[in-house]
Amino acid sequence: MGDISHFYGADIDLSAGGDFLYIADETQQHVIKRLLTAAGADIWNLAYGAGLGQFVGQPINLSAITNAILSQIFQEASVAQLPNPTVTATQSGTVITVTITYTDATTGQSQILTLPLGN
């Protein structure tokens, strides 16, 4: 049985008939959860979480954001280590867009995850 589809910070996804939807890309959901979880918030694994929320309201530092993501993405078991995941952060005004390219360790498929981060 798969995990219930839920985008971090939003409601659980439901079908038109009201049934729970299951996630199509479990690795992507694990990556997003890891990136948005505050560093040290998981009492069972204090090294878990990039804490991207810590950058909101701070001066924009693209290299710090990129490094926080890279330090966590290499710890995600469902992300293949080879080829190396890559992270590109760009800025347009106060919006930072992060593009993460990685290979799913289970399927072997290359994935691209794009996250807009407001500041």
PDB file of N, CA and C in Angstrom:
ATOM      1  N   MET A   1       0.844  -1.179   0.000  1.00  0.00           N
ATOM      2  CA  MET A   1       0.000   0.000   0.000  1.00  0.00           C
ATOM      3  C   MET A   1       0.886   1.238   0.000  1.00  0.00           C
ATOM      4  N   GLY A   2       0.533   2.220  -0.828  1.00  0.00           N
ATOM      5  CA  GLY A   2       1.308   3.440  -0.935  1.00  0.00           C
ATOM      6  C   GLY A   2       0.950   4.448   0.130  1.00  0.00           C
ATOM      7  N   ASP A   3       1.685   5.538   0.141  1.00  0.00           N
ATOM      8  CA  ASP A   3       1.418   6.639   1.058  1.00  0.00           C
ATOM      9  C   ASP A   3       0.304   7.517   0.501  1.00  0.00           C
ATOM     10  N   ILE A   4      -0.449   8.134   1.396  1.00  0.00           N
ATOM     11  CA  ILE A   4      -1.507   9.052   0.990  1.00  0.00           C
ATOM     12  C   ILE A   4      -0.870  10.309   0.410  1.00  0.00           C
ATOM     13  N   SER A   5      -1.439  10.797  -0.690  1.00  0.00           N
ATOM     14  CA  SER A   5      -0.915  11.979  -1.361  1.00  0.00           C
ATOM     15  C   SER A   5      -1.188  13.223  -0.530  1.00  0.00           C
ATOM     16  N   HIS A   6      -0.113  13.926  -0.218  1.00  0.00           N
ATOM     17  CA  HIS A   6      -0.223  15.140   0.576  1.00  0.00           C
ATOM     18  C   HIS A   6       0.967  16.021   0.274  1.00  0.00           C
ATOM     19  N   PHE A   7       0.721  17.235  -0.209  1.00  0.00           N
ATOM     20  CA  PHE A   7       1.802  18.185  -0.424  1.00  0.00           C
ATOM     21  C   PHE A   7       2.024  18.926   0.878  1.00  0.00           C
ATOM     22  N   TYR A   8       3.257  19.014   1.316  1.00  0.00           N
ATOM     23  CA  TYR A   8       3.643  19.622   2.585  1.00  0.00           C
ATOM     24  C   TYR A   8       2.952  20.970   2.759  1.00  0.00           C
ATOM     25  N   GLY A   9       2.216  21.145   3.853  1.00  0.00           N
ATOM     26  CA  GLY A   9       1.567  22.410   4.149  1.00  0.00           C
ATOM     27  C   GLY A   9       0.181  22.560   3.552  1.00  0.00           C
ATOM     28  N   ALA A  10      -0.294  21.554   2.832  1.00  0.00           N
ATOM     29  CA  ALA A  10      -1.616  21.629   2.196  1.00  0.00           C
ATOM     30  C   ALA A  10      -2.503  20.517   2.754  1.00  0.00           C
ATOM     31  N   ASP A  11      -3.747  20.483   2.290  1.00  0.00           N
ATOM     32  CA  ASP A  11      -4.665  19.431   2.691  1.00  0.00           C
ATOM     33  C   ASP A  11      -4.303  18.120   2.017  1.00  0.00           C
ATOM     34  N   ILE A  12      -4.798  17.019   2.562  1.00  0.00           N
ATOM     35  CA  ILE A  12      -4.626  15.706   1.948  1.00  0.00           C
ATOM     36  C   ILE A  12      -5.404  15.695   0.636  1.00  0.00           C
ATOM     37  N   ASP A  13      -4.812  15.100  -0.397  1.00  0.00           N
ATOM     38  CA  ASP A  13      -5.457  15.059  -1.713  1.00  0.00           C
ATOM     39  C   ASP A  13      -6.555  14.009  -1.739  1.00  0.00           C
ATOM     40  N   LEU A  14      -7.714  14.417  -2.273  1.00  0.00           N
ATOM     41  CA  LEU A  14      -8.856  13.523  -2.387  1.00  0.00           C
ATOM     42  C   LEU A  14      -9.290  13.413  -3.841  1.00  0.00           C
ATOM     43  N   SER A  15      -9.881  12.277  -4.170  1.00  0.00           N
ATOM     44  CA  SER A  15     -10.434  12.098  -5.510  1.00  0.00           C
ATOM     45  C   SER A  15     -11.767  12.829  -5.594  1.00  0.00           C
ATOM     46  N   ALA A  16     -12.330  12.889  -6.799  1.00  0.00           N
ATOM     47  CA  ALA A  16     -13.630  13.542  -6.993  1.00  0.00           C
ATOM     48  C   ALA A  16     -14.709  12.870  -6.147  1.00  0.00           C
ATOM     49  N   GLY A  17     -14.551  11.563  -5.880  1.00  0.00           N
ATOM     50  CA  GLY A  17     -15.517  10.817  -5.076  1.00  0.00           C
ATOM     51  C   GLY A  17     -15.252  10.884  -3.584  1.00  0.00           C
ATOM     52  N   GLY A  18     -14.190  11.582  -3.174  1.00  0.00           N
ATOM     53  CA  GLY A  18     -13.898  11.745  -1.759  1.00  0.00           C
ATOM     54  C   GLY A  18     -12.924  10.722  -1.185  1.00  0.00           C
ATOM     55  N   ASP A  19     -12.391   9.829  -2.033  1.00  0.00           N
ATOM     56  CA  ASP A  19     -11.423   8.842  -1.556  1.00  0.00           C
ATOM     57  C   ASP A  19     -10.036   9.460  -1.472  1.00  0.00           C
ATOM     58  N   PHE A  20      -9.207   8.886  -0.606  1.00  0.00           N
ATOM     59  CA  PHE A  20      -7.815   9.330  -0.535  1.00  0.00           C
ATOM     60  C   PHE A  20      -7.104   8.996  -1.832  1.00  0.00           C
ATOM     61  N   LEU A  21      -6.251   9.912  -2.293  1.00  0.00           N
ATOM     62  CA  LEU A  21      -5.380   9.625  -3.429  1.00  0.00           C
ATOM     63  C   LEU A  21      -4.034   9.199  -2.883  1.00  0.00           C
ATOM     64  N   TYR A  22      -3.370   8.317  -3.608  1.00  0.00           N
ATOM     65  CA  TYR A  22      -2.050   7.869  -3.202  1.00  0.00           C
ATOM     66  C   TYR A  22      -1.007   8.541  -4.073  1.00  0.00           C
ATOM     67  N   ILE A  23       0.163   8.786  -3.508  1.00  0.00           N
ATOM     68  CA  ILE A  23       1.182   9.530  -4.235  1.00  0.00           C
ATOM     69  C   ILE A  23       1.714   8.725  -5.409  1.00  0.00           C
ATOM     70  N   ALA A  24       2.005   9.462  -6.472  1.00  0.00           N
ATOM     71  CA  ALA A  24       2.559   8.836  -7.665  1.00  0.00           C
ATOM     72  C   ALA A  24       4.077   8.798  -7.579  1.00  0.00           C
ATOM     73  N   ASP A  25       4.673   9.779  -6.914  1.00  0.00           N
ATOM     74  CA  ASP A  25       6.127   9.865  -6.827  1.00  0.00           C
ATOM     75  C   ASP A  25       6.524   9.984  -5.361  1.00  0.00           C
ATOM     76  N   GLU A  26       6.735   8.832  -4.742  1.00  0.00           N
ATOM     77  CA  GLU A  26       7.054   8.783  -3.320  1.00  0.00           C
ATOM     78  C   GLU A  26       8.399   9.460  -3.018  1.00  0.00           C
ATOM     79  N   THR A  27       9.371   9.280  -3.888  1.00  0.00           N
ATOM     80  CA  THR A  27      10.683   9.895  -3.660  1.00  0.00           C
ATOM     81  C   THR A  27      10.563  11.410  -3.620  1.00  0.00           C
ATOM     82  N   GLN A  28       9.809  11.977  -4.540  1.00  0.00           N
ATOM     83  CA  GLN A  28       9.642  13.435  -4.570  1.00  0.00           C
ATOM     84  C   GLN A  28       9.024  13.926  -3.266  1.00  0.00           C
ATOM     85  N   GLN A  29       8.049  13.204  -2.761  1.00  0.00           N
ATOM     86  CA  GLN A  29       7.413  13.612  -1.516  1.00  0.00           C
ATOM     87  C   GLN A  29       8.411  13.524  -0.352  1.00  0.00           C
ATOM     88  N   HIS A  30       9.250  12.497  -0.344  1.00  0.00           N
ATOM     89  CA  HIS A  30      10.266  12.369   0.703  1.00  0.00           C
ATOM     90  C   HIS A  30      11.277  13.518   0.633  1.00  0.00           C
ATOM     91  N   VAL A  31      11.677  13.902  -0.578  1.00  0.00           N
ATOM     92  CA  VAL A  31      12.633  14.995  -0.757  1.00  0.00           C
ATOM     93  C   VAL A  31      12.034  16.307  -0.259  1.00  0.00           C
ATOM     94  N   ILE A  32      10.805  16.606  -0.650  1.00  0.00           N
ATOM     95  CA  ILE A  32      10.154  17.848  -0.233  1.00  0.00           C
ATOM     96  C   ILE A  32      10.025  17.895   1.287  1.00  0.00           C
ATOM     97  N   LYS A  33       9.608  16.788   1.886  1.00  0.00           N
ATOM     98  CA  LYS A  33       9.468  16.738   3.343  1.00  0.00           C
ATOM     99  C   LYS A  33      10.811  17.008   4.012  1.00  0.00           C
ATOM    100  N   ARG A  34      11.872  16.391   3.508  1.00  0.00           N
ATOM    101  CA  ARG A  34      13.211  16.573   4.082  1.00  0.00           C
ATOM    102  C   ARG A  34      13.658  18.032   3.974  1.00  0.00           C
ATOM    103  N   LEU A  35      13.391  18.657   2.843  1.00  0.00           N
ATOM    104  CA  LEU A  35      13.842  20.030   2.630  1.00  0.00           C
ATOM    105  C   LEU A  35      13.075  21.039   3.470  1.00  0.00           C
ATOM    106  N   LEU A  36      11.797  20.795   3.705  1.00  0.00           N
ATOM    107  CA  LEU A  36      10.979  21.749   4.435  1.00  0.00           C
ATOM    108  C   LEU A  36      10.959  21.519   5.942  1.00  0.00           C
ATOM    109  N   THR A  37      11.420  20.359   6.399  1.00  0.00           N
ATOM    110  CA  THR A  37      11.479  20.082   7.829  1.00  0.00           C
ATOM    111  C   THR A  37      12.618  20.883   8.453  1.00  0.00           C
ATOM    112  N   ALA A  38      12.322  21.531   9.560  1.00  0.00           N
ATOM    113  CA  ALA A  38      13.338  22.326  10.257  1.00  0.00           C
ATOM    114  C   ALA A  38      14.475  21.427  10.736  1.00  0.00           C
ATOM    115  N   ALA A  39      15.691  21.913  10.599  1.00  0.00           N
ATOM    116  CA  ALA A  39      16.856  21.161  11.051  1.00  0.00           C
ATOM    117  C   ALA A  39      16.725  20.868  12.543  1.00  0.00           C
ATOM    118  N   GLY A  40      16.913  19.606  12.921  1.00  0.00           N
ATOM    119  CA  GLY A  40      16.845  19.203  14.317  1.00  0.00           C
ATOM    120  C   GLY A  40      15.445  18.982  14.849  1.00  0.00           C
ATOM    121  N   ALA A  41      14.416  19.116  14.013  1.00  0.00           N
ATOM    122  CA  ALA A  41      13.033  18.969  14.476  1.00  0.00           C
ATOM    123  C   ALA A  41      12.619  17.515  14.671  1.00  0.00           C
ATOM    124  N   ASP A  42      13.295  16.590  14.024  1.00  0.00           N
ATOM    125  CA  ASP A  42      12.980  15.168  14.171  1.00  0.00           C
ATOM    126  C   ASP A  42      13.808  14.627  15.338  1.00  0.00           C
ATOM    127  N   ILE A  43      13.163  14.387  16.472  1.00  0.00           N
ATOM    128  CA  ILE A  43      13.902  13.983  17.669  1.00  0.00           C
ATOM    129  C   ILE A  43      14.567  12.614  17.522  1.00  0.00           C
ATOM    130  N   TRP A  44      14.127  11.838  16.547  1.00  0.00           N
ATOM    131  CA  TRP A  44      14.721  10.517  16.314  1.00  0.00           C
ATOM    132  C   TRP A  44      15.914  10.597  15.370  1.00  0.00           C
ATOM    133  N   ASN A  45      16.043  11.713  14.655  1.00  0.00           N
ATOM    134  CA  ASN A  45      17.162  11.903  13.729  1.00  0.00           C
ATOM    135  C   ASN A  45      17.449  13.400  13.643  1.00  0.00           C
ATOM    136  N   LEU A  46      18.295  13.890  14.522  1.00  0.00           N
ATOM    137  CA  LEU A  46      18.552  15.327  14.616  1.00  0.00           C
ATOM    138  C   LEU A  46      19.244  15.896  13.389  1.00  0.00           C
ATOM    139  N   ALA A  47      19.849  15.037  12.552  1.00  0.00           N
ATOM    140  CA  ALA A  47      20.512  15.506  11.327  1.00  0.00           C
ATOM    141  C   ALA A  47      19.534  15.641  10.161  1.00  0.00           C
ATOM    142  N   TYR A  48      18.253  15.262  10.375  1.00  0.00           N
ATOM    143  CA  TYR A  48      17.243  15.289   9.318  1.00  0.00           C
ATOM    144  C   TYR A  48      16.682  16.694   9.169  1.00  0.00           C
ATOM    145  N   GLY A  49      16.584  17.169   7.941  1.00  0.00           N
ATOM    146  CA  GLY A  49      15.901  18.420   7.648  1.00  0.00           C
ATOM    147  C   GLY A  49      16.821  19.544   7.226  1.00  0.00           C
ATOM    148  N   ALA A  50      16.501  20.127   6.071  1.00  0.00           N
ATOM    149  CA  ALA A  50      17.273  21.264   5.566  1.00  0.00           C
ATOM    150  C   ALA A  50      16.773  22.573   6.151  1.00  0.00           C
ATOM    151  N   GLY A  51      15.513  22.596   6.592  1.00  0.00           N
ATOM    152  CA  GLY A  51      14.964  23.800   7.196  1.00  0.00           C
ATOM    153  C   GLY A  51      14.935  24.996   6.269  1.00  0.00           C
ATOM    154  N   LEU A  52      14.436  24.802   5.042  1.00  0.00           N
ATOM    155  CA  LEU A  52      14.421  25.919   4.088  1.00  0.00           C
ATOM    156  C   LEU A  52      13.634  27.118   4.606  1.00  0.00           C
ATOM    157  N   GLY A  53      12.713  26.888   5.516  1.00  0.00           N
ATOM    158  CA  GLY A  53      11.953  27.990   6.092  1.00  0.00           C
ATOM    159  C   GLY A  53      12.809  28.996   6.836  1.00  0.00           C
ATOM    160  N   GLN A  54      13.989  28.571   7.291  1.00  0.00           N
ATOM    161  CA  GLN A  54      14.877  29.481   8.020  1.00  0.00           C
ATOM    162  C   GLN A  54      15.392  30.628   7.147  1.00  0.00           C
ATOM    163  N   PHE A  55      15.285  30.463   5.831  1.00  0.00           N
ATOM    164  CA  PHE A  55      15.785  31.486   4.917  1.00  0.00           C
ATOM    165  C   PHE A  55      14.750  32.573   4.625  1.00  0.00           C
ATOM    166  N   VAL A  56      13.487  32.342   4.999  1.00  0.00           N
ATOM    167  CA  VAL A  56      12.435  33.326   4.760  1.00  0.00           C
ATOM    168  C   VAL A  56      12.676  34.543   5.645  1.00  0.00           C
ATOM    169  N   GLY A  57      12.626  35.720   5.051  1.00  0.00           N
ATOM    170  CA  GLY A  57      12.816  36.962   5.785  1.00  0.00           C
ATOM    171  C   GLY A  57      14.275  37.332   5.998  1.00  0.00           C
ATOM    172  N   GLN A  58      15.186  36.502   5.523  1.00  0.00           N
ATOM    173  CA  GLN A  58      16.619  36.765   5.642  1.00  0.00           C
ATOM    174  C   GLN A  58      17.142  37.318   4.316  1.00  0.00           C
ATOM    175  N   PRO A  59      18.294  37.983   4.350  1.00  0.00           N
ATOM    176  CA  PRO A  59      18.906  38.388   3.071  1.00  0.00           C
ATOM    177  C   PRO A  59      19.121  37.146   2.204  1.00  0.00           C
ATOM    178  N   ILE A  60      18.864  37.284   0.922  1.00  0.00           N
ATOM    179  CA  ILE A  60      18.955  36.133   0.020  1.00  0.00           C
ATOM    180  C   ILE A  60      20.405  35.691  -0.123  1.00  0.00           C
ATOM    181  N   ASN A  61      20.625  34.393   0.128  1.00  0.00           N
ATOM    182  CA  ASN A  61      21.950  33.804   0.022  1.00  0.00           C
ATOM    183  C   ASN A  61      21.796  32.485  -0.739  1.00  0.00           C
ATOM    184  N   LEU A  62      21.912  32.566  -2.061  1.00  0.00           N
ATOM    185  CA  LEU A  62      21.674  31.392  -2.898  1.00  0.00           C
ATOM    186  C   LEU A  62      22.628  30.246  -2.592  1.00  0.00           C
ATOM    187  N   SER A  63      23.865  30.546  -2.267  1.00  0.00           N
ATOM    188  CA  SER A  63      24.809  29.456  -1.991  1.00  0.00           C
ATOM    189  C   SER A  63      24.458  28.750  -0.684  1.00  0.00           C
ATOM    190  N   ALA A  64      23.981  29.472   0.321  1.00  0.00           N
ATOM    191  CA  ALA A  64      23.572  28.831   1.578  1.00  0.00           C
ATOM    192  C   ALA A  64      22.361  27.928   1.359  1.00  0.00           C
ATOM    193  N   ILE A  65      21.420  28.380   0.542  1.00  0.00           N
ATOM    194  CA  ILE A  65      20.238  27.573   0.232  1.00  0.00           C
ATOM    195  C   ILE A  65      20.650  26.317  -0.535  1.00  0.00           C
ATOM    196  N   THR A  66      21.502  26.494  -1.536  1.00  0.00           N
ATOM    197  CA  THR A  66      21.973  25.360  -2.334  1.00  0.00           C
ATOM    198  C   THR A  66      22.712  24.359  -1.457  1.00  0.00           C
ATOM    199  N   ASN A  67      23.580  24.834  -0.572  1.00  0.00           N
ATOM    200  CA  ASN A  67      24.335  23.942   0.304  1.00  0.00           C
ATOM    201  C   ASN A  67      23.429  23.202   1.282  1.00  0.00           C
ATOM    202  N   ALA A  68      22.407  23.881   1.813  1.00  0.00           N
ATOM    203  CA  ALA A  68      21.465  23.227   2.731  1.00  0.00           C
ATOM    204  C   ALA A  68      20.733  22.095   2.022  1.00  0.00           C
ATOM    205  N   ILE A  69      20.337  22.338   0.781  1.00  0.00           N
ATOM    206  CA  ILE A  69      19.638  21.303   0.002  1.00  0.00           C
ATOM    207  C   ILE A  69      20.574  20.146  -0.309  1.00  0.00           C
ATOM    208  N   LEU A  70      21.765  20.441  -0.791  1.00  0.00           N
ATOM    209  CA  LEU A  70      22.709  19.379  -1.139  1.00  0.00           C
ATOM    210  C   LEU A  70      23.081  18.527   0.066  1.00  0.00           C
ATOM    211  N   SER A  71      23.251  19.152   1.231  1.00  0.00           N
ATOM    212  CA  SER A  71      23.627  18.390   2.421  1.00  0.00           C
ATOM    213  C   SER A  71      22.552  17.381   2.801  1.00  0.00           C
ATOM    214  N   GLN A  72      21.300  17.681   2.475  1.00  0.00           N
ATOM    215  CA  GLN A  72      20.201  16.785   2.819  1.00  0.00           C
ATOM    216  C   GLN A  72      19.888  15.793   1.704  1.00  0.00           C
ATOM    217  N   ILE A  73      19.971  16.219   0.463  1.00  0.00           N
ATOM    218  CA  ILE A  73      19.584  15.343  -0.642  1.00  0.00           C
ATOM    219  C   ILE A  73      20.498  14.124  -0.708  1.00  0.00           C
ATOM    220  N   PHE A  74      21.758  14.289  -0.315  1.00  0.00           N
ATOM    221  CA  PHE A  74      22.681  13.161  -0.310  1.00  0.00           C
ATOM    222  C   PHE A  74      22.370  12.181   0.819  1.00  0.00           C
ATOM    223  N   GLN A  75      21.569  12.584   1.788  1.00  0.00           N
ATOM    224  CA  GLN A  75      21.189  11.694   2.891  1.00  0.00           C
ATOM    225  C   GLN A  75      19.880  10.950   2.630  1.00  0.00           C
ATOM    226  N   GLU A  76      19.150  11.347   1.589  1.00  0.00           N
ATOM    227  CA  GLU A  76      17.862  10.710   1.289  1.00  0.00           C
ATOM    228  C   GLU A  76      18.106   9.370   0.613  1.00  0.00           C
ATOM    229  N   ALA A  77      17.679   8.284   1.258  1.00  0.00           N
ATOM    230  CA  ALA A  77      17.939   6.926   0.759  1.00  0.00           C
ATOM    231  C   ALA A  77      17.299   6.664  -0.600  1.00  0.00           C
ATOM    232  N   SER A  78      16.204   7.323  -0.903  1.00  0.00           N
ATOM    233  CA  SER A  78      15.504   7.067  -2.165  1.00  0.00           C
ATOM    234  C   SER A  78      16.094   7.846  -3.335  1.00  0.00           C
ATOM    235  N   VAL A  79      17.128   8.664  -3.079  1.00  0.00           N
ATOM    236  CA  VAL A  79      17.812   9.407  -4.132  1.00  0.00           C
ATOM    237  C   VAL A  79      19.154   8.725  -4.408  1.00  0.00           C
ATOM    238  N   ALA A  80      19.373   8.350  -5.672  1.00  0.00           N
ATOM    239  CA  ALA A  80      20.626   7.696  -6.051  1.00  0.00           C
ATOM    240  C   ALA A  80      21.797   8.666  -5.884  1.00  0.00           C
ATOM    241  N   GLN A  81      22.928   8.134  -5.478  1.00  0.00           N
ATOM    242  CA  GLN A  81      24.128   8.955  -5.298  1.00  0.00           C
ATOM    243  C   GLN A  81      24.872   9.193  -6.602  1.00  0.00           C
ATOM    244  N   LEU A  82      24.676   8.280  -7.559  1.00  0.00           N
ATOM    245  CA  LEU A  82      25.296   8.422  -8.880  1.00  0.00           C
ATOM    246  C   LEU A  82      24.229   8.294  -9.941  1.00  0.00           C
ATOM    247  N   PRO A  83      24.130   9.201 -10.879  1.00  0.00           N
ATOM    248  CA  PRO A  83      24.895  10.448 -10.940  1.00  0.00           C
ATOM    249  C   PRO A  83      24.521  11.362  -9.783  1.00  0.00           C
ATOM    250  N   ASN A  84      25.451  12.233  -9.448  1.00  0.00           N
ATOM    251  CA  ASN A  84      25.227  13.154  -8.335  1.00  0.00           C
ATOM    252  C   ASN A  84      24.002  14.021  -8.565  1.00  0.00           C
ATOM    253  N   PRO A  85      23.168  14.185  -7.525  1.00  0.00           N
ATOM    254  CA  PRO A  85      22.079  15.159  -7.634  1.00  0.00           C
ATOM    255  C   PRO A  85      22.664  16.559  -7.810  1.00  0.00           C
ATOM    256  N   THR A  86      21.957  17.404  -8.546  1.00  0.00           N
ATOM    257  CA  THR A  86      22.405  18.786  -8.728  1.00  0.00           C
ATOM    258  C   THR A  86      21.310  19.739  -8.269  1.00  0.00           C
ATOM    259  N   VAL A  87      21.734  20.903  -7.802  1.00  0.00           N
ATOM    260  CA  VAL A  87      20.804  21.926  -7.323  1.00  0.00           C
ATOM    261  C   VAL A  87      21.190  23.252  -7.962  1.00  0.00           C
ATOM    262  N   THR A  88      20.197  23.924  -8.534  1.00  0.00           N
ATOM    263  CA  THR A  88      20.395  25.255  -9.093  1.00  0.00           C
ATOM    264  C   THR A  88      19.377  26.182  -8.445  1.00  0.00           C
ATOM    265  N   ALA A  89      19.849  27.277  -7.876  1.00  0.00           N
ATOM    266  CA  ALA A  89      18.960  28.266  -7.269  1.00  0.00           C
ATOM    267  C   ALA A  89      19.101  29.573  -8.041  1.00  0.00           C
ATOM    268  N   THR A  90      17.962  30.140  -8.437  1.00  0.00           N
ATOM    269  CA  THR A  90      17.967  31.416  -9.147  1.00  0.00           C
ATOM    270  C   THR A  90      17.039  32.381  -8.421  1.00  0.00           C
ATOM    271  N   GLN A  91      17.289  33.658  -8.635  1.00  0.00           N
ATOM    272  CA  GLN A  91      16.502  34.688  -7.973  1.00  0.00           C
ATOM    273  C   GLN A  91      15.849  35.599  -8.996  1.00  0.00           C
ATOM    274  N   SER A  92      14.565  35.900  -8.778  1.00  0.00           N
ATOM    275  CA  SER A  92      13.843  36.881  -9.568  1.00  0.00           C
ATOM    276  C   SER A  92      13.060  37.742  -8.587  1.00  0.00           C
ATOM    277  N   GLY A  93      13.569  38.918  -8.317  1.00  0.00           N
ATOM    278  CA  GLY A  93      12.950  39.758  -7.291  1.00  0.00           C
ATOM    279  C   GLY A  93      13.153  39.109  -5.934  1.00  0.00           C
ATOM    280  N   THR A  94      12.041  38.871  -5.231  1.00  0.00           N
ATOM    281  CA  THR A  94      12.135  38.238  -3.915  1.00  0.00           C
ATOM    282  C   THR A  94      11.796  36.751  -3.958  1.00  0.00           C
ATOM    283  N   VAL A  95      11.617  36.221  -5.157  1.00  0.00           N
ATOM    284  CA  VAL A  95      11.293  34.795  -5.290  1.00  0.00           C
ATOM    285  C   VAL A  95      12.535  34.035  -5.730  1.00  0.00           C
ATOM    286  N   ILE A  96      12.818  32.989  -4.994  1.00  0.00           N
ATOM    287  CA  ILE A  96      13.924  32.096  -5.325  1.00  0.00           C
ATOM    288  C   ILE A  96      13.313  30.831  -5.905  1.00  0.00           C
ATOM    289  N   THR A  97      13.838  30.386  -7.024  1.00  0.00           N
ATOM    290  CA  THR A  97      13.390  29.136  -7.614  1.00  0.00           C
ATOM    291  C   THR A  97      14.542  28.139  -7.537  1.00  0.00           C
ATOM    292  N   VAL A  98      14.254  27.007  -6.949  1.00  0.00           N
ATOM    293  CA  VAL A  98      15.252  25.951  -6.788  1.00  0.00           C
ATOM    294  C   VAL A  98      14.882  24.810  -7.716  1.00  0.00           C
ATOM    295  N   THR A  99      15.838  24.373  -8.521  1.00  0.00           N
ATOM    296  CA  THR A  99      15.638  23.221  -9.398  1.00  0.00           C
ATOM    297  C   THR A  99      16.604  22.133  -8.962  1.00  0.00           C
ATOM    298  N   ILE A 100      16.043  20.984  -8.618  1.00  0.00           N
ATOM    299  CA  ILE A 100      16.831  19.850  -8.148  1.00  0.00           C
ATOM    300  C   ILE A 100      16.687  18.739  -9.177  1.00  0.00           C
ATOM    301  N   THR A 101      17.803  18.253  -9.659  1.00  0.00           N
ATOM    302  CA  THR A 101      17.808  17.129 -10.599  1.00  0.00           C
ATOM    303  C   THR A 101      18.458  15.951  -9.886  1.00  0.00           C
ATOM    304  N   TYR A 102      17.749  14.834  -9.860  1.00  0.00           N
ATOM    305  CA  TYR A 102      18.248  13.653  -9.165  1.00  0.00           C
ATOM    306  C   TYR A 102      17.741  12.402  -9.865  1.00  0.00           C
ATOM    307  N   THR A 103      18.324  11.276  -9.504  1.00  0.00           N
ATOM    308  CA  THR A 103      17.871   9.994 -10.020  1.00  0.00           C
ATOM    309  C   THR A 103      17.202   9.229  -8.890  1.00  0.00           C
ATOM    310  N   ASP A 104      15.997   8.738  -9.155  1.00  0.00           N
ATOM    311  CA  ASP A 104      15.270   7.941  -8.178  1.00  0.00           C
ATOM    312  C   ASP A 104      15.986   6.605  -8.016  1.00  0.00           C
ATOM    313  N   ALA A 105      16.403   6.271  -6.802  1.00  0.00           N
ATOM    314  CA  ALA A 105      17.170   5.052  -6.543  1.00  0.00           C
ATOM    315  C   ALA A 105      16.347   3.793  -6.805  1.00  0.00           C
ATOM    316  N   THR A 106      15.034   3.873  -6.679  1.00  0.00           N
ATOM    317  CA  THR A 106      14.186   2.711  -6.876  1.00  0.00           C
ATOM    318  C   THR A 106      13.911   2.436  -8.348  1.00  0.00           C
ATOM    319  N   THR A 107      13.561   3.504  -9.085  1.00  0.00           N
ATOM    320  CA  THR A 107      13.170   3.324 -10.483  1.00  0.00           C
ATOM    321  C   THR A 107      14.317   3.541 -11.459  1.00  0.00           C
ATOM    322  N   GLY A 108      15.356   4.252 -11.031  1.00  0.00           N
ATOM    323  CA  GLY A 108      16.458   4.596 -11.929  1.00  0.00           C
ATOM    324  C   GLY A 108      16.127   5.729 -12.882  1.00  0.00           C
ATOM    325  N   GLN A 109      14.966   6.334 -12.717  1.00  0.00           N
ATOM    326  CA  GLN A 109      14.524   7.427 -13.586  1.00  0.00           C
ATOM    327  C   GLN A 109      15.062   8.768 -13.101  1.00  0.00           C
ATOM    328  N   SER A 110      15.499   9.593 -14.040  1.00  0.00           N
ATOM    329  CA  SER A 110      15.929  10.946 -13.723  1.00  0.00           C
ATOM    330  C   SER A 110      14.700  11.793 -13.407  1.00  0.00           C
ATOM    331  N   GLN A 111      14.799  12.619 -12.382  1.00  0.00           N
ATOM    332  CA  GLN A 111      13.682  13.448 -11.946  1.00  0.00           C
ATOM    333  C   GLN A 111      14.139  14.895 -11.829  1.00  0.00           C
ATOM    334  N   ILE A 112      13.214  15.801 -12.101  1.00  0.00           N
ATOM    335  CA  ILE A 112      13.472  17.220 -11.911  1.00  0.00           C
ATOM    336  C   ILE A 112      12.376  17.757 -11.001  1.00  0.00           C
ATOM    337  N   LEU A 113      12.797  18.385  -9.919  1.00  0.00           N
ATOM    338  CA  LEU A 113      11.871  18.964  -8.946  1.00  0.00           C
ATOM    339  C   LEU A 113      12.152  20.463  -8.891  1.00  0.00           C
ATOM    340  N   THR A 114      11.133  21.270  -9.158  1.00  0.00           N
ATOM    341  CA  THR A 114      11.274  22.724  -9.119  1.00  0.00           C
ATOM    342  C   THR A 114      10.398  23.264  -8.006  1.00  0.00           C
ATOM    343  N   LEU A 115      11.029  24.037  -7.104  1.00  0.00           N
ATOM    344  CA  LEU A 115      10.318  24.608  -5.961  1.00  0.00           C
ATOM    345  C   LEU A 115      10.485  26.123  -5.954  1.00  0.00           C
ATOM    346  N   PRO A 116       9.382  26.868  -5.955  1.00  0.00           N
ATOM    347  CA  PRO A 116       9.501  28.324  -5.774  1.00  0.00           C
ATOM    348  C   PRO A 116       9.522  28.610  -4.273  1.00  0.00           C
ATOM    349  N   LEU A 117      10.465  29.411  -3.844  1.00  0.00           N
ATOM    350  CA  LEU A 117      10.571  29.788  -2.427  1.00  0.00           C
ATOM    351  C   LEU A 117      10.438  31.292  -2.327  1.00  0.00           C
ATOM    352  N   GLY A 118       9.411  31.757  -1.656  1.00  0.00           N
ATOM    353  CA  GLY A 118       9.222  33.192  -1.490  1.00  0.00           C
ATOM    354  C   GLY A 118      10.134  33.724  -0.394  1.00  0.00           C
ATOM    355  N   ASN A 119      10.422  34.987  -0.450  1.00  0.00           N
ATOM    356  CA  ASN A 119      11.249  35.596   0.581  1.00  0.00           C
ATOM    357  C   ASN A 119      10.700  36.963   0.927  1.00  0.00           C
TER     358      ASN A 119
END
